[in-house]
Amino acid sequence: QMNSLKPEDTAVYYCAADEDQLSSGIVARTASYDY
């Protein structure tokens, strides 16, 4: 859910999934996700 959208939010948005339980430091890394 995206509210108060700004022009800088313009982008292609991607969904990703990974089977590991990612910690806060790793969840933000693109390389952490398999799908």
PDB file of all heavy atoms in Angstrom:
ATOM      1  N   GLN A   1       0.852  -1.177   0.000  1.00  0.00           N
ATOM      2  CA  GLN A   1       0.000   0.000   0.000  1.00  0.00           C
ATOM      3  C   GLN A   1       0.892   1.232   0.000  1.00  0.00           C
ATOM      4  O   GLN A   1       1.710   1.407   0.902  1.00  0.00           O
ATOM      5  CB  GLN A   1      -0.905   0.011   1.230  1.00  0.00           C
ATOM      6  CG  GLN A   1      -1.807   1.226   1.324  1.00  0.00           C
ATOM      7  CD  GLN A   1      -2.821   1.284   0.210  1.00  0.00           C
ATOM      8  OE1 GLN A   1      -3.432   0.278  -0.152  1.00  0.00           O
ATOM      9  NE2 GLN A   1      -3.039   2.477  -0.341  1.00  0.00           N
ATOM     10  N   MET A   2       0.724   2.058  -1.017  1.00  0.00           N
ATOM     11  CA  MET A   2       1.578   3.228  -1.168  1.00  0.00           C
ATOM     12  C   MET A   2       0.727   4.487  -1.067  1.00  0.00           C
ATOM     13  O   MET A   2      -0.157   4.706  -1.899  1.00  0.00           O
ATOM     14  CB  MET A   2       2.300   3.183  -2.516  1.00  0.00           C
ATOM     15  CG  MET A   2       3.081   1.900  -2.735  1.00  0.00           C
ATOM     16  SD  MET A   2       4.079   1.932  -4.237  1.00  0.00           S
ATOM     17  CE  MET A   2       2.822   2.053  -5.487  1.00  0.00           C
ATOM     18  N   ASN A   3       0.975   5.284  -0.048  1.00  0.00           N
ATOM     19  CA  ASN A   3       0.246   6.525   0.170  1.00  0.00           C
ATOM     20  C   ASN A   3       1.183   7.725   0.045  1.00  0.00           C
ATOM     21  O   ASN A   3       2.409   7.584   0.095  1.00  0.00           O
ATOM     22  CB  ASN A   3      -0.396   6.515   1.557  1.00  0.00           C
ATOM     23  CG  ASN A   3      -1.395   5.392   1.735  1.00  0.00           C
ATOM     24  OD1 ASN A   3      -2.081   4.992   0.802  1.00  0.00           O
ATOM     25  ND2 ASN A   3      -1.481   4.861   2.951  1.00  0.00           N
ATOM     26  N   SER A   4       0.603   8.885  -0.096  1.00  0.00           N
ATOM     27  CA  SER A   4       1.384  10.131  -0.194  1.00  0.00           C
ATOM     28  C   SER A   4       2.506   9.995  -1.214  1.00  0.00           C
ATOM     29  O   SER A   4       3.659  10.336  -0.949  1.00  0.00           O
ATOM     30  CB  SER A   4       1.955  10.504   1.180  1.00  0.00           C
ATOM     31  OG  SER A   4       0.938  10.647   2.139  1.00  0.00           O
ATOM     32  N   LEU A   5       2.163   9.517  -2.375  1.00  0.00           N
ATOM     33  CA  LEU A   5       3.170   9.248  -3.399  1.00  0.00           C
ATOM     34  C   LEU A   5       3.826  10.532  -3.881  1.00  0.00           C
ATOM     35  O   LEU A   5       3.185  11.601  -3.954  1.00  0.00           O
ATOM     36  CB  LEU A   5       2.546   8.498  -4.560  1.00  0.00           C
ATOM     37  CG  LEU A   5       2.324   7.004  -4.272  1.00  0.00           C
ATOM     38  CD1 LEU A   5       1.315   6.416  -5.256  1.00  0.00           C
ATOM     39  CD2 LEU A   5       3.637   6.247  -4.353  1.00  0.00           C
ATOM     40  N   LYS A   6       5.107  10.404  -4.210  1.00  0.00           N
ATOM     41  CA  LYS A   6       5.906  11.526  -4.686  1.00  0.00           C
ATOM     42  C   LYS A   6       6.446  11.203  -6.075  1.00  0.00           C
ATOM     43  O   LYS A   6       6.593  10.026  -6.418  1.00  0.00           O
ATOM     44  CB  LYS A   6       7.080  11.760  -3.739  1.00  0.00           C
ATOM     45  CG  LYS A   6       6.698  11.967  -2.288  1.00  0.00           C
ATOM     46  CD  LYS A   6       7.935  12.064  -1.415  1.00  0.00           C
ATOM     47  CE  LYS A   6       7.568  12.255   0.053  1.00  0.00           C
ATOM     48  NZ  LYS A   6       8.781  12.333   0.906  1.00  0.00           N
ATOM     49  N   PRO A   7       6.782  12.211  -6.856  1.00  0.00           N
ATOM     50  CA  PRO A   7       7.360  11.943  -8.186  1.00  0.00           C
ATOM     51  C   PRO A   7       8.594  11.043  -8.111  1.00  0.00           C
ATOM     52  O   PRO A   7       8.816  10.238  -9.020  1.00  0.00           O
ATOM     53  CB  PRO A   7       7.697  13.343  -8.691  1.00  0.00           C
ATOM     54  CG  PRO A   7       6.697  14.227  -8.039  1.00  0.00           C
ATOM     55  CD  PRO A   7       6.512  13.653  -6.660  1.00  0.00           C
ATOM     56  N   GLU A   8       9.364  11.150  -7.047  1.00  0.00           N
ATOM     57  CA  GLU A   8      10.559  10.315  -6.910  1.00  0.00           C
ATOM     58  C   GLU A   8      10.247   8.848  -6.618  1.00  0.00           C
ATOM     59  O   GLU A   8      11.146   8.013  -6.597  1.00  0.00           O
ATOM     60  CB  GLU A   8      11.498  10.869  -5.838  1.00  0.00           C
ATOM     61  CG  GLU A   8      10.828  11.160  -4.509  1.00  0.00           C
ATOM     62  CD  GLU A   8      10.447  12.627  -4.359  1.00  0.00           C
ATOM     63  OE1 GLU A   8       9.897  13.201  -5.333  1.00  0.00           O
ATOM     64  OE2 GLU A   8      10.670  13.182  -3.260  1.00  0.00           O
ATOM     65  N   ASP A   9       8.991   8.518  -6.409  1.00  0.00           N
ATOM     66  CA  ASP A   9       8.585   7.115  -6.260  1.00  0.00           C
ATOM     67  C   ASP A   9       8.373   6.450  -7.625  1.00  0.00           C
ATOM     68  O   ASP A   9       8.138   5.243  -7.686  1.00  0.00           O
ATOM     69  CB  ASP A   9       7.287   7.014  -5.455  1.00  0.00           C
ATOM     70  CG  ASP A   9       7.447   7.448  -4.008  1.00  0.00           C
ATOM     71  OD1 ASP A   9       8.481   7.105  -3.391  1.00  0.00           O
ATOM     72  OD2 ASP A   9       6.548   8.138  -3.492  1.00  0.00           O
ATOM     73  N   THR A  10       8.459   7.225  -8.680  1.00  0.00           N
ATOM     74  CA  THR A  10       8.286   6.685 -10.026  1.00  0.00           C
ATOM     75  C   THR A  10       9.366   5.649 -10.321  1.00  0.00           C
ATOM     76  O   THR A  10      10.562   5.921 -10.189  1.00  0.00           O
ATOM     77  CB  THR A  10       8.350   7.806 -11.071  1.00  0.00           C
ATOM     78  OG1 THR A  10       7.226   8.679 -10.873  1.00  0.00           O
ATOM     79  CG2 THR A  10       8.313   7.244 -12.478  1.00  0.00           C
ATOM     80  N   ALA A  11       8.932   4.446 -10.695  1.00  0.00           N
ATOM     81  CA  ALA A  11       9.863   3.347 -10.949  1.00  0.00           C
ATOM     82  C   ALA A  11       9.065   2.124 -11.387  1.00  0.00           C
ATOM     83  O   ALA A  11       7.835   2.104 -11.301  1.00  0.00           O
ATOM     84  CB  ALA A  11      10.662   3.012  -9.690  1.00  0.00           C
ATOM     85  N   VAL A  12       9.804   1.113 -11.826  1.00  0.00           N
ATOM     86  CA  VAL A  12       9.215  -0.218 -11.978  1.00  0.00           C
ATOM     87  C   VAL A  12       9.364  -0.920 -10.634  1.00  0.00           C
ATOM     88  O   VAL A  12      10.465  -0.969 -10.072  1.00  0.00           O
ATOM     89  CB  VAL A  12       9.898  -1.024 -13.092  1.00  0.00           C
ATOM     90  CG1 VAL A  12       9.309  -2.425 -13.165  1.00  0.00           C
ATOM     91  CG2 VAL A  12       9.763  -0.300 -14.428  1.00  0.00           C
ATOM     92  N   TYR A  13       8.273  -1.454 -10.135  1.00  0.00           N
ATOM     93  CA  TYR A  13       8.265  -2.127  -8.833  1.00  0.00           C
ATOM     94  C   TYR A  13       8.256  -3.638  -9.024  1.00  0.00           C
ATOM     95  O   TYR A  13       7.447  -4.164  -9.794  1.00  0.00           O
ATOM     96  CB  TYR A  13       7.054  -1.676  -8.021  1.00  0.00           C
ATOM     97  CG  TYR A  13       7.230  -0.304  -7.415  1.00  0.00           C
ATOM     98  CD1 TYR A  13       7.239   0.831  -8.217  1.00  0.00           C
ATOM     99  CD2 TYR A  13       7.431  -0.139  -6.049  1.00  0.00           C
ATOM    100  CE1 TYR A  13       7.437   2.094  -7.676  1.00  0.00           C
ATOM    101  CE2 TYR A  13       7.617   1.108  -5.489  1.00  0.00           C
ATOM    102  CZ  TYR A  13       7.630   2.220  -6.314  1.00  0.00           C
ATOM    103  OH  TYR A  13       7.829   3.480  -5.778  1.00  0.00           O
ATOM    104  N   TYR A  14       9.150  -4.293  -8.301  1.00  0.00           N
ATOM    105  CA  TYR A  14       9.325  -5.739  -8.427  1.00  0.00           C
ATOM    106  C   TYR A  14       9.031  -6.431  -7.100  1.00  0.00           C
ATOM    107  O   TYR A  14       9.431  -5.951  -6.028  1.00  0.00           O
ATOM    108  CB  TYR A  14      10.756  -6.075  -8.829  1.00  0.00           C
ATOM    109  CG  TYR A  14      11.172  -5.548 -10.167  1.00  0.00           C
ATOM    110  CD1 TYR A  14      11.762  -4.293 -10.286  1.00  0.00           C
ATOM    111  CD2 TYR A  14      10.983  -6.303 -11.323  1.00  0.00           C
ATOM    112  CE1 TYR A  14      12.158  -3.807 -11.522  1.00  0.00           C
ATOM    113  CE2 TYR A  14      11.373  -5.820 -12.562  1.00  0.00           C
ATOM    114  CZ  TYR A  14      11.956  -4.574 -12.653  1.00  0.00           C
ATOM    115  OH  TYR A  14      12.347  -4.099 -13.872  1.00  0.00           O
ATOM    116  N   CYS A  15       8.422  -7.582  -7.212  1.00  0.00           N
ATOM    117  CA  CYS A  15       8.191  -8.466  -6.080  1.00  0.00           C
ATOM    118  C   CYS A  15       9.299  -9.521  -6.076  1.00  0.00           C
ATOM    119  O   CYS A  15       9.746  -9.952  -7.148  1.00  0.00           O
ATOM    120  CB  CYS A  15       6.818  -9.113  -6.251  1.00  0.00           C
ATOM    121  SG  CYS A  15       6.391 -10.372  -5.070  1.00  0.00           S
ATOM    122  N   ALA A  16       9.737  -9.924  -4.896  1.00  0.00           N
ATOM    123  CA  ALA A  16      10.796 -10.921  -4.793  1.00  0.00           C
ATOM    124  C   ALA A  16      10.516 -11.871  -3.638  1.00  0.00           C
ATOM    125  O   ALA A  16       9.849 -11.503  -2.668  1.00  0.00           O
ATOM    126  CB  ALA A  16      12.144 -10.231  -4.586  1.00  0.00           C
ATOM    127  N   ALA A  17      11.060 -13.088  -3.763  1.00  0.00           N
ATOM    128  CA  ALA A  17      10.831 -14.106  -2.735  1.00  0.00           C
ATOM    129  C   ALA A  17      12.114 -14.867  -2.447  1.00  0.00           C
ATOM    130  O   ALA A  17      12.926 -15.109  -3.349  1.00  0.00           O
ATOM    131  CB  ALA A  17       9.747 -15.087  -3.205  1.00  0.00           C
ATOM    132  N   ASP A  18      12.269 -15.220  -1.169  1.00  0.00           N
ATOM    133  CA  ASP A  18      13.404 -16.050  -0.790  1.00  0.00           C
ATOM    134  C   ASP A  18      13.002 -16.981   0.342  1.00  0.00           C
ATOM    135  O   ASP A  18      12.289 -16.568   1.262  1.00  0.00           O
ATOM    136  CB  ASP A  18      14.593 -15.188  -0.351  1.00  0.00           C
ATOM    137  CG  ASP A  18      15.841 -16.024  -0.217  1.00  0.00           C
ATOM    138  OD1 ASP A  18      16.473 -16.308  -1.255  1.00  0.00           O
ATOM    139  OD2 ASP A  18      16.171 -16.416   0.913  1.00  0.00           O
ATOM    140  N   GLU A  19      13.506 -18.199   0.294  1.00  0.00           N
ATOM    141  CA  GLU A  19      13.101 -19.204   1.267  1.00  0.00           C
ATOM    142  C   GLU A  19      13.768 -19.020   2.622  1.00  0.00           C
ATOM    143  O   GLU A  19      13.324 -19.558   3.626  1.00  0.00           O
ATOM    144  CB  GLU A  19      13.398 -20.609   0.724  1.00  0.00           C
ATOM    145  CG  GLU A  19      12.651 -21.714   1.448  1.00  0.00           C
ATOM    146  CD  GLU A  19      12.737 -23.043   0.727  1.00  0.00           C
ATOM    147  OE1 GLU A  19      13.492 -23.151  -0.257  1.00  0.00           O
ATOM    148  OE2 GLU A  19      12.037 -23.961   1.151  1.00  0.00           O
ATOM    149  N   ASP A  20      14.842 -18.243   2.675  1.00  0.00           N
ATOM    150  CA  ASP A  20      15.527 -18.023   3.948  1.00  0.00           C
ATOM    151  C   ASP A  20      14.770 -17.009   4.795  1.00  0.00           C
ATOM    152  O   ASP A  20      14.045 -16.166   4.279  1.00  0.00           O
ATOM    153  CB  ASP A  20      16.944 -17.511   3.708  1.00  0.00           C
ATOM    154  CG  ASP A  20      17.831 -18.566   3.079  1.00  0.00           C
ATOM    155  OD1 ASP A  20      17.558 -19.771   3.295  1.00  0.00           O
ATOM    156  OD2 ASP A  20      18.782 -18.191   2.366  1.00  0.00           O
ATOM    157  N   GLN A  21      14.990 -17.087   6.101  1.00  0.00           N
ATOM    158  CA  GLN A  21      14.461 -16.074   7.014  1.00  0.00           C
ATOM    159  C   GLN A  21      15.481 -14.950   7.050  1.00  0.00           C
ATOM    160  O   GLN A  21      16.479 -15.032   7.742  1.00  0.00           O
ATOM    161  CB  GLN A  21      14.262 -16.651   8.409  1.00  0.00           C
ATOM    162  CG  GLN A  21      13.665 -15.676   9.409  1.00  0.00           C
ATOM    163  CD  GLN A  21      12.209 -15.368   9.118  1.00  0.00           C
ATOM    164  OE1 GLN A  21      11.851 -14.748   8.121  1.00  0.00           O
ATOM    165  NE2 GLN A  21      11.341 -15.807  10.009  1.00  0.00           N
ATOM    166  N   LEU A  22      15.229 -13.895   6.292  1.00  0.00           N
ATOM    167  CA  LEU A  22      16.211 -12.845   6.126  1.00  0.00           C
ATOM    168  C   LEU A  22      16.172 -11.862   7.289  1.00  0.00           C
ATOM    169  O   LEU A  22      15.106 -11.402   7.691  1.00  0.00           O
ATOM    170  CB  LEU A  22      15.961 -12.113   4.812  1.00  0.00           C
ATOM    171  CG  LEU A  22      15.962 -12.996   3.552  1.00  0.00           C
ATOM    172  CD1 LEU A  22      15.676 -12.157   2.324  1.00  0.00           C
ATOM    173  CD2 LEU A  22      17.286 -13.724   3.407  1.00  0.00           C
ATOM    174  N   SER A  23      17.325 -11.532   7.788  1.00  0.00           N
ATOM    175  CA  SER A  23      17.409 -10.576   8.882  1.00  0.00           C
ATOM    176  C   SER A  23      17.352  -9.159   8.333  1.00  0.00           C
ATOM    177  O   SER A  23      17.424  -8.933   7.128  1.00  0.00           O
ATOM    178  CB  SER A  23      18.711 -10.785   9.657  1.00  0.00           C
ATOM    179  OG  SER A  23      19.808 -10.525   8.819  1.00  0.00           O
ATOM    180  N   SER A  24      17.289  -8.212   9.228  1.00  0.00           N
ATOM    181  CA  SER A  24      17.114  -6.822   8.807  1.00  0.00           C
ATOM    182  C   SER A  24      18.259  -6.338   7.946  1.00  0.00           C
ATOM    183  O   SER A  24      18.088  -5.489   7.089  1.00  0.00           O
ATOM    184  CB  SER A  24      16.972  -5.921  10.035  1.00  0.00           C
ATOM    185  OG  SER A  24      18.119  -6.012  10.852  1.00  0.00           O
ATOM    186  N   GLY A  25      19.445  -6.872   8.171  1.00  0.00           N
ATOM    187  CA  GLY A  25      20.581  -6.422   7.393  1.00  0.00           C
ATOM    188  C   GLY A  25      20.662  -7.040   6.014  1.00  0.00           C
ATOM    189  O   GLY A  25      21.368  -6.541   5.140  1.00  0.00           O
ATOM    190  N   ILE A  26      19.927  -8.111   5.804  1.00  0.00           N
ATOM    191  CA  ILE A  26      20.029  -8.865   4.556  1.00  0.00           C
ATOM    192  C   ILE A  26      18.788  -8.733   3.704  1.00  0.00           C
ATOM    193  O   ILE A  26      18.854  -8.863   2.480  1.00  0.00           O
ATOM    194  CB  ILE A  26      20.314 -10.344   4.883  1.00  0.00           C
ATOM    195  CG1 ILE A  26      21.640 -10.443   5.652  1.00  0.00           C
ATOM    196  CG2 ILE A  26      20.349 -11.205   3.637  1.00  0.00           C
ATOM    197  CD1 ILE A  26      21.998 -11.826   6.091  1.00  0.00           C
ATOM    198  N   VAL A  27      17.663  -8.425   4.309  1.00  0.00           N
ATOM    199  CA  VAL A  27      16.394  -8.376   3.577  1.00  0.00           C
ATOM    200  C   VAL A  27      16.421  -7.317   2.473  1.00  0.00           C
ATOM    201  O   VAL A  27      15.680  -7.413   1.504  1.00  0.00           O
ATOM    202  CB  VAL A  27      15.224  -8.133   4.549  1.00  0.00           C
ATOM    203  CG1 VAL A  27      15.274  -6.710   5.120  1.00  0.00           C
ATOM    204  CG2 VAL A  27      13.890  -8.429   3.900  1.00  0.00           C
ATOM    205  N   ALA A  28      17.271  -6.323   2.617  1.00  0.00           N
ATOM    206  CA  ALA A  28      17.322  -5.225   1.652  1.00  0.00           C
ATOM    207  C   ALA A  28      18.248  -5.487   0.473  1.00  0.00           C
ATOM    208  O   ALA A  28      18.345  -4.659  -0.428  1.00  0.00           O
ATOM    209  CB  ALA A  28      17.739  -3.939   2.350  1.00  0.00           C
ATOM    210  N   ARG A  29      18.919  -6.590   0.474  1.00  0.00           N
ATOM    211  CA  ARG A  29      19.877  -6.885  -0.596  1.00  0.00           C
ATOM    212  C   ARG A  29      19.194  -7.634  -1.730  1.00  0.00           C
ATOM    213  O   ARG A  29      18.579  -8.670  -1.512  1.00  0.00           O
ATOM    214  CB  ARG A  29      21.023  -7.720  -0.055  1.00  0.00           C
ATOM    215  CG  ARG A  29      21.805  -7.065   1.062  1.00  0.00           C
ATOM    216  CD  ARG A  29      22.894  -7.992   1.574  1.00  0.00           C
ATOM    217  NE  ARG A  29      23.581  -7.454   2.746  1.00  0.00           N
ATOM    218  CZ  ARG A  29      24.496  -8.107   3.446  1.00  0.00           C
ATOM    219  NH1 ARG A  29      24.844  -9.334   3.081  1.00  0.00           N
ATOM    220  NH2 ARG A  29      25.059  -7.537   4.505  1.00  0.00           N
ATOM    221  N   THR A  30      19.372  -7.175  -2.955  1.00  0.00           N
ATOM    222  CA  THR A  30      18.762  -7.854  -4.097  1.00  0.00           C
ATOM    223  C   THR A  30      19.313  -9.272  -4.244  1.00  0.00           C
ATOM    224  O   THR A  30      18.588 -10.182  -4.626  1.00  0.00           O
ATOM    225  CB  THR A  30      19.002  -7.076  -5.397  1.00  0.00           C
ATOM    226  OG1 THR A  30      20.411  -6.889  -5.574  1.00  0.00           O
ATOM    227  CG2 THR A  30      18.326  -5.720  -5.353  1.00  0.00           C
ATOM    228  N   ALA A  31      20.576  -9.453  -3.909  1.00  0.00           N
ATOM    229  CA  ALA A  31      21.206 -10.764  -4.056  1.00  0.00           C
ATOM    230  C   ALA A  31      20.654 -11.797  -3.086  1.00  0.00           C
ATOM    231  O   ALA A  31      20.910 -12.996  -3.231  1.00  0.00           O
ATOM    232  CB  ALA A  31      22.716 -10.637  -3.863  1.00  0.00           C
ATOM    233  N   SER A  32      19.888 -11.345  -2.083  1.00  0.00           N
ATOM    234  CA  SER A  32      19.337 -12.274  -1.103  1.00  0.00           C
ATOM    235  C   SER A  32      18.152 -13.069  -1.649  1.00  0.00           C
ATOM    236  O   SER A  32      17.758 -14.070  -1.060  1.00  0.00           O
ATOM    237  CB  SER A  32      18.880 -11.510   0.148  1.00  0.00           C
ATOM    238  OG  SER A  32      19.962 -10.860   0.760  1.00  0.00           O
ATOM    239  N   TYR A  33      17.582 -12.631  -2.738  1.00  0.00           N
ATOM    240  CA  TYR A  33      16.332 -13.203  -3.229  1.00  0.00           C
ATOM    241  C   TYR A  33      16.561 -14.122  -4.424  1.00  0.00           C
ATOM    242  O   TYR A  33      17.305 -13.795  -5.345  1.00  0.00           O
ATOM    243  CB  TYR A  33      15.353 -12.092  -3.611  1.00  0.00           C
ATOM    244  CG  TYR A  33      14.905 -11.302  -2.401  1.00  0.00           C
ATOM    245  CD1 TYR A  33      15.693 -10.278  -1.895  1.00  0.00           C
ATOM    246  CD2 TYR A  33      13.713 -11.605  -1.752  1.00  0.00           C
ATOM    247  CE1 TYR A  33      15.304  -9.566  -0.767  1.00  0.00           C
ATOM    248  CE2 TYR A  33      13.310 -10.890  -0.638  1.00  0.00           C
ATOM    249  CZ  TYR A  33      14.109  -9.874  -0.143  1.00  0.00           C
ATOM    250  OH  TYR A  33      13.722  -9.168   0.965  1.00  0.00           O
ATOM    251  N   ASP A  34      15.871 -15.237  -4.401  1.00  0.00           N
ATOM    252  CA  ASP A  34      16.008 -16.231  -5.464  1.00  0.00           C
ATOM    253  C   ASP A  34      15.027 -16.020  -6.606  1.00  0.00           C
ATOM    254  O   ASP A  34      15.297 -16.412  -7.744  1.00  0.00           O
ATOM    255  CB  ASP A  34      15.794 -17.640  -4.890  1.00  0.00           C
ATOM    256  CG  ASP A  34      16.933 -18.063  -3.981  1.00  0.00           C
ATOM    257  OD1 ASP A  34      18.070 -17.606  -4.205  1.00  0.00           O
ATOM    258  OD2 ASP A  34      16.681 -18.855  -3.058  1.00  0.00           O
ATOM    259  N   TYR A  35      13.880 -15.435  -6.314  1.00  0.00           N
ATOM    260  CA  TYR A  35      12.830 -15.350  -7.320  1.00  0.00           C
ATOM    261  C   TYR A  35      12.325 -13.914  -7.454  1.00  0.00           C
ATOM    262  O   TYR A  35      12.182 -13.209  -6.448  1.00  0.00           O
ATOM    263  CB  TYR A  35      11.653 -16.260  -6.949  1.00  0.00           C
ATOM    264  CG  TYR A  35      12.055 -17.700  -6.770  1.00  0.00           C
ATOM    265  CD1 TYR A  35      12.207 -18.244  -5.495  1.00  0.00           C
ATOM    266  CD2 TYR A  35      12.323 -18.500  -7.868  1.00  0.00           C
ATOM    267  CE1 TYR A  35      12.597 -19.559  -5.333  1.00  0.00           C
ATOM    268  CE2 TYR A  35      12.716 -19.822  -7.713  1.00  0.00           C
ATOM    269  CZ  TYR A  35      12.857 -20.335  -6.444  1.00  0.00           C
ATOM    270  OH  TYR A  35      13.256 -21.645  -6.292  1.00  0.00           O
TER     271      TYR A  35
END
